[in-house]
């Protein structure tokens, strides 16, 4: 039994040592965080319809914040979030209005494309 163990060890030793002569792998580097913005990403536009309450309007940045219910087409739960919108859409509603709206989402940016008071 000792002879078998000794033979197995002697046969395995050269195999283990042969790995010692391999060059070290280059460390993997990650792309800088801002590199993602410059990469061409496939962006499939998705559309949905929702209803909710206007909680903020910022004409300077052309943004509207809506506290909306679930949007089934986008598989979104109810939440409060900001969207871009054309200035003419922002002028027909006010903070506190209950609204129905259409939204188009490309990547992770959403734009309200139509809005009406309830």
Protein backbone atom coordinates (compact mmCIF):
# COMPACT_ATOMS: atom_id res chain seq x y z
CA UNK A 1 0.00 0.00 0.00
CA UNK A 2 2.84 2.37 0.89
CA UNK A 3 4.51 1.58 -2.41
CA UNK A 4 1.33 2.44 -4.36
CA UNK A 5 0.91 5.74 -2.51
CA UNK A 6 4.55 6.65 -3.08
CA UNK A 7 4.28 5.86 -6.82
CA UNK A 8 1.12 7.94 -7.20
CA UNK A 9 2.77 10.87 -5.43
CA UNK A 10 5.87 10.67 -7.61
CA UNK A 11 3.73 10.60 -10.77
CA UNK A 12 1.57 13.54 -9.65
CA UNK A 13 4.50 15.73 -8.58
CA UNK A 14 5.77 16.59 -12.10
CA UNK A 15 2.24 17.47 -13.22
CA UNK A 16 1.79 19.85 -10.31
CA UNK A 17 5.17 21.48 -10.85
CA UNK A 18 4.60 21.95 -14.58
CA UNK A 19 1.96 24.58 -13.78
CA UNK A 20 4.58 26.65 -11.96
CA UNK A 21 6.22 27.65 -15.24
CA UNK A 22 3.10 29.31 -16.74
CA UNK A 23 3.12 33.11 -17.14
CA UNK A 24 0.77 35.01 -14.87
CA UNK A 25 -2.52 36.08 -16.42
CA UNK A 26 -3.01 39.77 -17.03
CA UNK A 27 -5.41 41.27 -14.51
CA UNK A 28 -8.81 42.06 -15.99
CA UNK A 29 -9.72 45.72 -16.04
CA UNK A 30 -13.18 47.17 -16.03
CA UNK A 31 -14.27 49.89 -18.40
CA UNK A 32 -14.59 53.33 -16.80
CA UNK A 33 -18.10 54.10 -15.62
CA UNK A 34 -18.55 56.84 -18.22
CA UNK A 35 -17.60 54.49 -21.06
CA UNK A 36 -21.07 52.93 -20.99
CA UNK A 37 -22.62 56.21 -22.11
CA UNK A 38 -20.49 56.31 -25.24
CA UNK A 39 -21.15 52.70 -26.24
CA UNK A 40 -23.78 51.97 -28.87
CA UNK A 41 -26.47 50.05 -27.03
CA UNK A 42 -29.49 48.53 -28.68
CA UNK A 43 -32.45 50.47 -27.39
CA UNK A 44 -35.86 49.06 -28.10
CA UNK A 45 -38.53 51.68 -27.52
CA UNK A 46 -41.46 50.50 -25.41
CA UNK A 47 -44.75 52.32 -25.03
CA UNK A 48 -47.22 52.30 -22.22
CA UNK A 49 -50.28 54.08 -20.88
CA UNK A 50 -50.66 55.15 -17.29
CA UNK A 51 -52.62 57.31 -14.93
CA UNK A 52 -51.53 59.20 -11.87
CA UNK A 53 -51.04 62.55 -10.19
CA UNK A 54 -48.68 65.34 -11.23
CA UNK A 55 -46.33 65.99 -8.29
CA UNK A 56 -43.85 68.39 -9.96
CA UNK A 57 -43.27 70.29 -13.18
CA UNK A 58 -39.90 71.81 -14.10
CA UNK A 59 -40.14 73.92 -17.25
CA UNK A 60 -36.38 74.65 -17.24
CA UNK A 61 -35.44 70.98 -17.58
CA UNK A 62 -38.66 69.98 -19.42
CA UNK A 63 -39.47 67.36 -16.79
CA UNK A 64 -42.68 66.23 -15.16
CA UNK A 65 -42.88 64.04 -12.07
CA UNK A 66 -45.82 61.67 -11.85
CA UNK A 67 -47.03 59.51 -8.98
CA UNK A 68 -48.50 56.79 -11.19
CA UNK A 69 -50.18 53.43 -10.84
CA UNK A 70 -48.86 50.22 -12.41
CA UNK A 71 -48.10 50.32 -16.14
CA UNK A 72 -48.75 46.81 -17.45
CA UNK A 73 -47.16 47.27 -20.89
CA UNK A 74 -43.85 48.19 -19.26
CA UNK A 75 -44.20 45.74 -16.36
CA UNK A 76 -43.79 48.64 -13.92
CA UNK A 77 -45.29 48.74 -10.44
CA UNK A 78 -46.86 51.90 -9.04
CA UNK A 79 -44.19 54.51 -8.28
CA UNK A 80 -43.25 58.17 -8.43
CA UNK A 81 -40.82 59.11 -11.16
CA UNK A 82 -39.73 61.91 -13.47
CA UNK A 83 -40.12 61.97 -17.23
CA UNK A 84 -39.09 64.36 -19.96
CA UNK A 85 -41.90 66.02 -21.91
CA UNK A 86 -42.33 68.65 -24.60
CA UNK A 87 -43.00 72.10 -23.11
CA UNK A 88 -46.48 72.29 -24.69
CA UNK A 89 -47.52 69.20 -22.72
CA UNK A 90 -46.25 70.72 -19.47
CA UNK A 91 -48.43 73.81 -19.90
CA UNK A 92 -51.75 71.92 -20.01
CA UNK A 93 -51.42 70.37 -16.54
CA UNK A 94 -50.62 71.60 -13.04
CA UNK A 95 -49.23 70.07 -9.86
CA UNK A 96 -52.02 68.11 -8.18
CA UNK A 97 -53.87 67.26 -11.42
CA UNK A 98 -55.02 63.68 -11.94
CA UNK A 99 -53.91 62.66 -15.43
CA UNK A 100 -53.83 59.91 -18.02
CA UNK A 101 -50.62 59.77 -20.03
CA UNK A 102 -48.72 57.91 -22.74
CA UNK A 103 -45.06 57.21 -22.17
CA UNK A 104 -42.29 55.99 -24.45
CA UNK A 105 -39.27 54.38 -22.80
CA UNK A 106 -35.98 53.97 -24.65
CA UNK A 107 -33.23 52.33 -22.61
CA UNK A 108 -33.84 53.77 -19.15
CA UNK A 109 -35.15 57.17 -20.28
CA UNK A 110 -38.88 57.84 -20.35
CA UNK A 111 -40.75 60.57 -22.19
CA UNK A 112 -44.38 61.53 -21.73
CA UNK A 113 -45.72 61.81 -25.29
CA UNK A 114 -49.35 62.66 -24.48
CA UNK A 115 -51.14 63.79 -21.33
CA UNK A 116 -54.75 64.66 -20.48
CA UNK A 117 -56.50 65.69 -17.28
CA UNK A 118 -58.96 63.15 -15.90
